[in-house]
């Protein structure tokens, strides 16, 4: 029997799925730790809190730093050799020549090869930062008999699931999530077709849940990144930020730097009165604009730096791996109080995020959105057209 299954934003258990390939939790998980902000005397990058940030760190540490180091040492050695070999004492009668073809070819070709090497990594990274993920997830409950499930491959032609790595299958049983291996645990038929059949070797038992993720948005860990579940609009002002959550009816609220007497010395010029809240493990779309001059919304732990320009909307995204508070600052000189525009992003559990949304809606005189257990962010169906209804 083949079953069609419904696309969902996810369940509470999906937060464990996000952890596949993620590094172990660090002191950042406690929130507000020194590692989540700039520190005096720090020379390295802040610890990453997303797969995209890990890839940025890889590009900097593994690709750029060796190239920079080798070039710097070579230029230094060449400079010292020229000073020692061709000073007036060692070389009283200098040679006279106009060019050297071999040297000119070498110093042209080698830089070109270096730039091509860097481009191989940077183009892929720039693409991942620029393109909003569009991965889709379908969920089905096991019944002990159904082994074959249908994944609707309804992406645009250029984004269709056409290769095995574009599809991942997980099974949750007794609270434990297991990633299945293609060939050993399941088979796939119809890659590139409108419908893809995923046949499991063993029918999931009643009480077990099957998760199928598909899409071409794949991070450096090999995980498929889902389309954004939340959109946050960020507006820059002289000299504070405002945040709005249009998906949840949360209108703009302002985020101002706390005075020195209302925070600790370590967090002064970092801490704010109203933080931006997001749930852990969800893909977050960030829209930026400005009310007056150009600002830049920057959070190093997520490897995000995007301009906020008056009259224009820019777009980026991130997906936080761990809970905690992560700080940044405006990174575009915007006036006399430019250094008084801190950014604080608090990553919380889904339950805490849902409770916070209801609190914000209550302040605006709106009915709660998540008080009824029948509707949860973790259980909400995907936007119309993105998913399929279960077969009868």
Protein backbone atom coordinates (compact mmCIF):
# COMPACT_ATOMS: atom_id res chain seq x y z
CA UNK A 1 0.00 0.00 0.00
CA UNK A 2 1.28 3.45 -0.94
CA UNK A 3 0.45 6.47 1.18
CA UNK A 4 0.62 10.18 0.44
CA UNK A 5 1.83 12.14 3.42
CA UNK A 6 1.41 15.69 4.61
CA UNK A 7 4.13 18.32 4.66
CA UNK A 8 4.63 19.91 8.08
CA UNK A 9 6.92 22.49 9.58
CA UNK A 10 8.13 19.85 11.99
CA UNK A 11 7.57 18.40 15.43
CA UNK A 12 9.35 18.85 18.73
CA UNK A 13 11.45 15.81 17.85
CA UNK A 14 12.79 17.55 14.76
CA UNK A 15 15.07 19.62 16.97
CA UNK A 16 17.01 16.41 17.48
CA UNK A 17 17.12 15.87 13.74
CA UNK A 18 18.80 19.24 13.31
CA UNK A 19 21.54 18.05 15.64
CA UNK A 20 22.76 15.38 13.20
CA UNK A 21 26.35 16.33 12.38
CA UNK A 22 26.29 19.30 14.76
CA UNK A 23 29.10 19.79 17.25
CA UNK A 24 28.46 19.10 20.89
CA UNK A 25 26.80 21.87 22.86
CA UNK A 26 29.20 24.31 24.42
CA UNK A 27 28.99 27.04 27.04
CA UNK A 28 26.93 29.00 24.52
CA UNK A 29 23.94 26.86 25.38
CA UNK A 30 23.78 28.52 28.77
CA UNK A 31 23.00 31.81 27.04
CA UNK A 32 24.78 35.09 27.36
CA UNK A 33 28.15 33.46 27.80
CA UNK A 34 31.33 35.25 26.85
CA UNK A 35 31.71 33.05 23.77
CA UNK A 36 28.47 34.47 22.32
CA UNK A 37 29.83 38.00 22.13
CA UNK A 38 32.96 39.93 21.26
CA UNK A 39 35.61 39.67 24.00
CA UNK A 40 38.57 41.84 24.89
CA UNK A 41 41.76 40.50 23.35
CA UNK A 42 39.92 38.02 21.14
CA UNK A 43 41.61 37.36 17.80
CA UNK A 44 39.66 34.38 16.49
CA UNK A 45 36.14 34.09 15.12
CA UNK A 46 33.28 33.57 17.54
CA UNK A 47 32.21 29.91 17.84
CA UNK A 48 29.63 29.15 15.14
CA UNK A 49 26.02 28.37 15.97
CA UNK A 50 24.81 27.24 12.58
CA UNK A 51 25.95 24.99 9.76
CA UNK A 52 26.35 28.03 7.51
CA UNK A 53 28.59 29.70 10.09
CA UNK A 54 30.67 26.52 10.27
CA UNK A 55 31.15 26.69 6.51
CA UNK A 56 32.21 30.35 6.76
CA UNK A 57 34.76 29.33 9.42
CA UNK A 58 36.00 26.50 7.19
CA UNK A 59 36.43 28.94 4.31
CA UNK A 60 38.37 31.36 6.51
CA UNK A 61 40.50 28.87 8.46
CA UNK A 62 41.14 26.15 5.88
CA UNK A 63 41.00 27.98 2.55
CA UNK A 64 41.97 31.61 3.09
CA UNK A 65 44.42 31.46 6.01
CA UNK A 66 46.87 28.99 4.38
CA UNK A 67 46.84 31.05 1.16
CA UNK A 68 47.38 34.30 3.06
CA UNK A 69 50.12 32.76 5.21
CA UNK A 70 52.05 31.26 2.29
CA UNK A 71 51.85 34.48 0.25
CA UNK A 72 52.93 36.61 3.21
CA UNK A 73 55.89 34.37 4.03
CA UNK A 74 56.92 34.20 0.37
CA UNK A 75 56.78 37.98 -0.04
CA UNK A 76 58.72 38.47 3.21
CA UNK A 77 61.40 35.96 2.15
CA UNK A 78 61.64 37.55 -1.30
CA UNK A 79 61.96 41.00 0.24
CA UNK A 80 64.71 39.90 2.62
CA UNK A 81 66.55 38.12 -0.21
CA UNK A 82 66.41 41.22 -2.41
CA UNK A 83 67.66 43.40 0.46
CA UNK A 84 70.59 41.07 1.15
CA UNK A 85 71.48 40.15 -2.42
CA UNK A 86 70.99 43.42 -4.26
CA UNK A 87 72.10 46.11 -1.84
CA UNK A 88 74.85 48.49 -3.02
CA UNK A 89 77.61 46.64 -1.18
CA UNK A 90 76.74 43.15 -2.44
CA UNK A 91 75.88 44.32 -5.94
CA UNK A 92 77.86 47.48 -6.77
CA UNK A 93 77.18 47.15 -10.51
CA UNK A 94 73.47 46.45 -11.06
CA UNK A 95 72.25 44.63 -14.13
CA UNK A 96 70.19 46.54 -16.66
CA UNK A 97 67.25 44.82 -18.33
CA UNK A 98 63.71 45.79 -19.29
CA UNK A 99 61.73 42.57 -18.72
CA UNK A 100 61.78 38.83 -18.05
CA UNK A 101 59.15 36.84 -19.92
CA UNK A 102 59.26 33.79 -17.63
CA UNK A 103 58.87 35.84 -14.46
CA UNK A 104 56.00 37.82 -15.95
CA UNK A 105 54.17 34.65 -16.99
CA UNK A 106 54.68 33.10 -13.54
CA UNK A 107 53.45 36.12 -11.57
CA UNK A 108 50.38 36.29 -13.82
CA UNK A 109 49.43 32.60 -13.96
CA UNK A 110 49.98 31.73 -10.28
CA UNK A 111 47.68 34.51 -8.93
CA UNK A 112 45.03 33.43 -11.44
CA UNK A 113 45.23 29.84 -10.18
CA UNK A 114 45.04 31.03 -6.57
CA UNK A 115 41.92 33.09 -7.35
CA UNK A 116 40.29 30.14 -9.14
CA UNK A 117 41.02 27.93 -6.10
CA UNK A 118 39.41 30.47 -3.77
CA UNK A 119 36.45 30.92 -6.14
CA UNK A 120 35.65 27.20 -6.06
CA UNK A 121 34.79 27.52 -2.37
CA UNK A 122 33.55 31.11 -2.24
CA UNK A 123 30.99 30.83 -5.05
CA UNK A 124 29.32 27.86 -3.35
CA UNK A 125 29.30 29.66 0.00
CA UNK A 126 27.93 32.89 -1.50
CA UNK A 127 25.17 30.90 -3.19
CA UNK A 128 24.15 29.23 0.07
CA UNK A 129 24.08 32.58 1.86
CA UNK A 130 22.10 34.30 -0.88
CA UNK A 131 19.50 31.65 -1.75
CA UNK A 132 16.78 31.03 0.86
CA UNK A 133 16.46 27.27 1.55
CA UNK A 134 13.42 25.56 0.07
CA UNK A 135 13.63 22.07 1.53
CA UNK A 136 10.37 20.27 2.30
CA UNK A 137 9.54 17.75 4.98
CA UNK A 138 6.76 15.17 5.04
CA UNK A 139 5.64 13.26 8.10
CA UNK A 140 3.70 9.99 8.42
CA UNK A 141 2.67 7.83 11.33
CA UNK A 142 3.49 4.13 11.10
CA UNK A 143 0.71 1.55 11.16
CA UNK A 144 2.73 -1.66 11.02
CA UNK A 145 1.70 -2.40 7.42
CA UNK A 146 2.62 0.54 5.17
CA UNK A 147 6.15 0.38 3.76
CA UNK A 148 5.94 2.72 0.76
CA UNK A 149 5.44 6.47 1.02
CA UNK A 150 5.10 9.05 -1.75
CA UNK A 151 7.07 12.31 -1.69
CA UNK A 152 5.56 15.02 -3.91
CA UNK A 153 8.45 16.43 -5.97
CA UNK A 154 6.62 19.70 -6.64
CA UNK A 155 9.63 22.00 -6.68
CA UNK A 156 10.39 24.23 -9.70
CA UNK A 157 12.21 22.32 -12.45
CA UNK A 158 15.60 23.78 -11.50
CA UNK A 159 15.14 22.75 -7.85
CA UNK A 160 13.62 19.29 -8.22
CA UNK A 161 14.85 16.30 -6.24
CA UNK A 162 16.90 14.42 -8.85
CA UNK A 163 19.72 12.78 -6.88
CA UNK A 164 19.89 10.45 -3.91
CA UNK A 165 21.53 13.07 -1.71
CA UNK A 166 18.48 15.31 -2.25
CA UNK A 167 16.40 12.97 -0.10
CA UNK A 168 16.79 11.89 3.56
CA UNK A 169 14.66 9.54 5.63
CA UNK A 170 14.38 9.33 9.43
CA UNK A 171 12.33 7.17 11.79
CA UNK A 172 11.43 8.16 15.34
CA UNK A 173 10.73 5.37 17.80
CA UNK A 174 10.30 5.76 21.57
CA UNK A 175 11.70 9.29 21.43
CA UNK A 176 14.86 8.23 19.57
CA UNK A 177 15.46 9.50 16.05
CA UNK A 178 17.36 7.31 13.58
CA UNK A 179 18.63 8.29 10.14
CA UNK A 180 18.03 5.52 7.62
CA UNK A 181 20.63 4.42 5.09
CA UNK A 182 19.72 4.22 1.44
CA UNK A 183 20.05 0.69 0.11
CA UNK A 184 20.14 -0.93 3.54
CA UNK A 185 17.00 0.61 5.05
CA UNK A 186 15.07 2.02 2.11
CA UNK A 187 14.90 2.27 -1.68
CA UNK A 188 13.94 5.25 -3.85
CA UNK A 189 12.16 5.20 -7.20
CA UNK A 190 11.20 8.10 -9.45
CA UNK A 191 13.95 10.63 -8.77
CA UNK A 192 13.25 13.69 -10.93
CA UNK A 193 9.62 12.66 -11.43
CA UNK A 194 6.59 14.50 -9.97
CA UNK A 195 6.19 11.72 -7.40
CA UNK A 196 8.99 9.86 -5.66
CA UNK A 197 8.31 6.51 -4.00
CA UNK A 198 10.27 5.76 -0.82
CA UNK A 199 10.05 2.07 0.06
CA UNK A 200 11.26 1.09 3.53
CA UNK A 201 12.68 -2.37 4.11
CA UNK A 202 10.58 -2.65 7.28
CA UNK A 203 7.12 -1.21 7.79
CA UNK A 204 7.17 1.31 10.67
CA UNK A 205 5.24 0.02 13.64
CA UNK A 206 2.28 1.81 15.16
CA UNK A 207 3.62 4.65 17.28
CA UNK A 208 6.68 5.17 15.07
CA UNK A 209 6.95 8.28 12.91
CA UNK A 210 8.57 8.58 9.48
CA UNK A 211 10.18 11.85 8.40
CA UNK A 212 11.18 12.38 4.77
CA UNK A 213 13.12 15.48 3.82
CA UNK A 214 13.70 16.53 0.24
CA UNK A 215 15.34 19.45 -1.53
CA UNK A 216 18.56 20.83 -2.94
CA UNK A 217 19.33 23.13 -0.01
CA UNK A 218 22.09 21.05 1.57
CA UNK A 219 24.52 22.35 4.19
CA UNK A 220 28.14 21.29 4.63
CA UNK A 221 27.06 18.55 7.05
CA UNK A 222 25.00 16.96 4.30
CA UNK A 223 21.69 17.88 5.96
CA UNK A 224 18.77 19.17 3.90
CA UNK A 225 17.70 22.61 5.14
CA UNK A 226 13.96 23.24 5.30
CA UNK A 227 12.24 26.34 3.94
CA UNK A 228 11.82 29.16 6.49
CA UNK A 229 9.15 28.61 9.12
CA UNK A 230 9.42 32.18 10.46
CA UNK A 231 10.02 35.59 8.91
CA UNK A 232 11.43 38.43 11.00
CA UNK A 233 11.48 41.98 9.63
CA UNK A 234 14.39 44.04 10.99
CA UNK A 235 14.37 47.83 10.62
CA UNK A 236 17.34 50.03 11.47
CA UNK A 237 16.93 53.46 13.03
CA UNK A 238 19.30 56.06 14.39
CA UNK A 239 20.13 54.46 16.79
CA UNK A 240 18.18 51.32 17.58
CA UNK A 241 16.48 48.36 15.89
CA UNK A 242 12.88 47.27 15.56
CA UNK A 243 11.61 43.74 14.99
CA UNK A 244 8.32 42.44 13.59
CA UNK A 245 6.96 38.92 13.08
CA UNK A 246 4.32 39.27 10.35
CA UNK A 247 3.54 35.52 10.34
CA UNK A 248 2.32 35.78 13.93
CA UNK A 249 0.77 39.23 14.04
CA UNK A 250 3.57 40.62 16.22
CA UNK A 251 3.99 44.26 15.20
CA UNK A 252 7.22 46.27 15.40
CA UNK A 253 8.81 46.56 18.82
CA UNK A 254 12.00 48.50 19.50
CA UNK A 255 15.27 47.12 20.83
CA UNK A 256 17.47 49.67 22.61
CA UNK A 257 20.84 49.34 24.28
CA UNK A 258 20.59 49.01 28.06
CA UNK A 259 22.22 51.77 30.13
CA UNK A 260 25.43 50.88 31.91
CA UNK A 261 23.74 50.73 35.33
CA UNK A 262 21.17 48.16 34.12
CA UNK A 263 23.55 45.45 32.94
CA UNK A 264 26.92 43.90 33.72
CA UNK A 265 30.27 45.38 32.65
CA UNK A 266 30.82 42.45 30.25
CA UNK A 267 27.47 42.99 28.53
CA UNK A 268 27.45 46.79 28.45
CA UNK A 269 26.96 47.93 24.84
CA UNK A 270 25.79 44.39 23.99
CA UNK A 271 22.64 43.86 26.04
CA UNK A 272 19.28 45.32 25.00
CA UNK A 273 15.87 45.83 26.57
CA UNK A 274 14.00 43.70 24.01
CA UNK A 275 15.76 40.80 22.35
CA UNK A 276 14.84 39.18 19.07
CA UNK A 277 13.50 35.70 19.88
CA UNK A 278 13.69 32.68 17.55
CA UNK A 279 13.14 28.95 18.11
CA UNK A 280 16.08 26.58 17.95
CA UNK A 281 16.37 24.37 14.88
CA UNK A 282 14.02 26.38 12.65
CA UNK A 283 15.02 28.15 9.46
CA UNK A 284 14.54 31.88 9.99
CA UNK A 285 14.12 34.35 7.13
CA UNK A 286 15.42 37.83 8.00
CA UNK A 287 14.23 40.87 6.02
CA UNK A 288 16.20 44.06 6.62
CA UNK A 289 15.49 47.69 5.80
CA UNK A 290 16.16 51.09 7.37
CA UNK A 291 14.20 54.19 8.26
CA UNK A 292 16.88 56.85 7.81
CA UNK A 293 20.45 55.92 6.82
CA UNK A 294 22.23 52.69 5.93
CA UNK A 295 22.79 50.27 8.81
CA UNK A 296 24.07 46.69 8.86
CA UNK A 297 22.53 43.87 10.92
CA UNK A 298 25.40 41.64 12.04
CA UNK A 299 25.50 38.57 14.30
CA UNK A 300 28.89 36.81 14.11
CA UNK A 301 27.72 33.53 15.69
CA UNK A 302 25.40 33.02 12.71
CA UNK A 303 27.89 34.45 10.17
CA UNK A 304 25.34 37.10 9.20
CA UNK A 305 26.11 40.61 8.01
CA UNK A 306 23.52 42.25 5.81
CA UNK A 307 22.90 45.89 5.01
CA UNK A 308 19.67 47.63 6.04
CA UNK A 309 19.05 50.24 3.35
CA UNK A 310 16.26 52.86 3.32
CA UNK A 311 13.68 52.13 0.64
CA UNK A 312 15.02 48.66 -0.01
CA UNK A 313 14.45 45.20 1.51
CA UNK A 314 17.36 42.77 1.76
CA UNK A 315 16.95 39.12 2.66
CA UNK A 316 19.04 36.50 4.42
CA UNK A 317 18.50 33.47 6.65
CA UNK A 318 19.94 31.38 9.46
CA UNK A 319 19.16 28.27 11.49
CA UNK A 320 20.49 28.18 15.06
CA UNK A 321 21.75 24.86 16.41
CA UNK A 322 21.78 25.68 20.11
CA UNK A 323 19.81 27.76 22.57
CA UNK A 324 21.41 30.83 24.12
CA UNK A 325 21.84 34.57 23.64
CA UNK A 326 24.00 35.75 20.75
CA UNK A 327 25.17 39.34 20.38
CA UNK A 328 26.11 41.54 17.47
CA UNK A 329 26.31 45.20 16.54
CA UNK A 330 25.48 47.55 13.71
CA UNK A 331 28.40 47.24 11.29
CA UNK A 332 27.79 50.22 9.04
CA UNK A 333 28.79 53.65 10.33
CA UNK A 334 25.46 55.43 10.72
CA UNK A 335 26.10 58.50 12.83
CA UNK A 336 27.33 59.72 16.17
CA UNK A 337 25.75 56.84 18.14
CA UNK A 338 26.67 54.07 15.72
CA UNK A 339 28.44 52.16 18.50
CA UNK A 340 25.24 52.23 20.62
CA UNK A 341 23.25 49.91 18.32
CA UNK A 342 23.76 46.40 19.74
CA UNK A 343 21.88 43.32 18.53
CA UNK A 344 20.75 40.49 20.82
CA UNK A 345 19.21 37.30 19.42
CA UNK A 346 17.84 34.85 21.95
CA UNK A 347 17.44 31.28 20.73
CA UNK A 348 14.84 29.40 22.77
CA UNK A 349 12.83 26.19 22.67
CA UNK A 350 9.67 26.01 20.57
CA UNK A 351 7.46 26.02 23.67
CA UNK A 352 9.09 29.20 24.98
CA UNK A 353 8.84 30.85 21.57
CA UNK A 354 5.15 30.00 21.27
CA UNK A 355 4.48 31.36 24.78
CA UNK A 356 6.36 34.57 23.91
CA UNK A 357 4.32 35.01 20.71
CA UNK A 358 1.09 34.70 22.69
CA UNK A 359 2.39 37.27 25.20
CA UNK A 360 3.18 39.74 22.43
CA UNK A 361 -0.23 39.17 20.82
CA UNK A 362 -1.93 39.76 24.18
CA UNK A 363 -0.12 43.08 24.55
CA UNK A 364 -1.55 44.07 21.15
CA UNK A 365 -5.06 42.97 22.13
CA UNK A 366 -5.02 39.90 19.88
CA UNK A 367 -6.19 36.40 20.68
CA UNK A 368 -3.49 33.85 21.52
CA UNK A 369 -2.18 31.80 18.64
CA UNK A 370 -0.69 28.82 20.47
CA UNK A 371 -2.75 28.44 23.63
CA UNK A 372 -4.80 25.69 22.02
CA UNK A 373 -2.82 22.45 21.85
CA UNK A 374 -4.44 21.72 18.49
CA UNK A 375 -2.29 24.38 16.80
CA UNK A 376 1.43 24.57 17.49
CA UNK A 377 4.41 25.88 15.57
CA UNK A 378 5.84 22.40 15.96
CA UNK A 379 2.65 20.86 14.53
CA UNK A 380 1.38 23.52 12.16
CA UNK A 381 0.73 22.41 8.57
CA UNK A 382 2.76 23.97 5.79
CA UNK A 383 1.51 26.89 3.75
CA UNK A 384 -1.28 26.09 1.27
CA UNK A 385 0.07 24.41 -1.82
CA UNK A 386 3.29 23.26 -0.18
CA UNK A 387 1.97 19.99 1.15
CA UNK A 388 -0.34 17.15 0.32
CA UNK A 389 -3.32 15.81 2.20
CA UNK A 390 -3.22 12.19 3.39
CA UNK A 391 -4.73 9.63 1.08
CA UNK A 392 -7.97 8.02 2.15
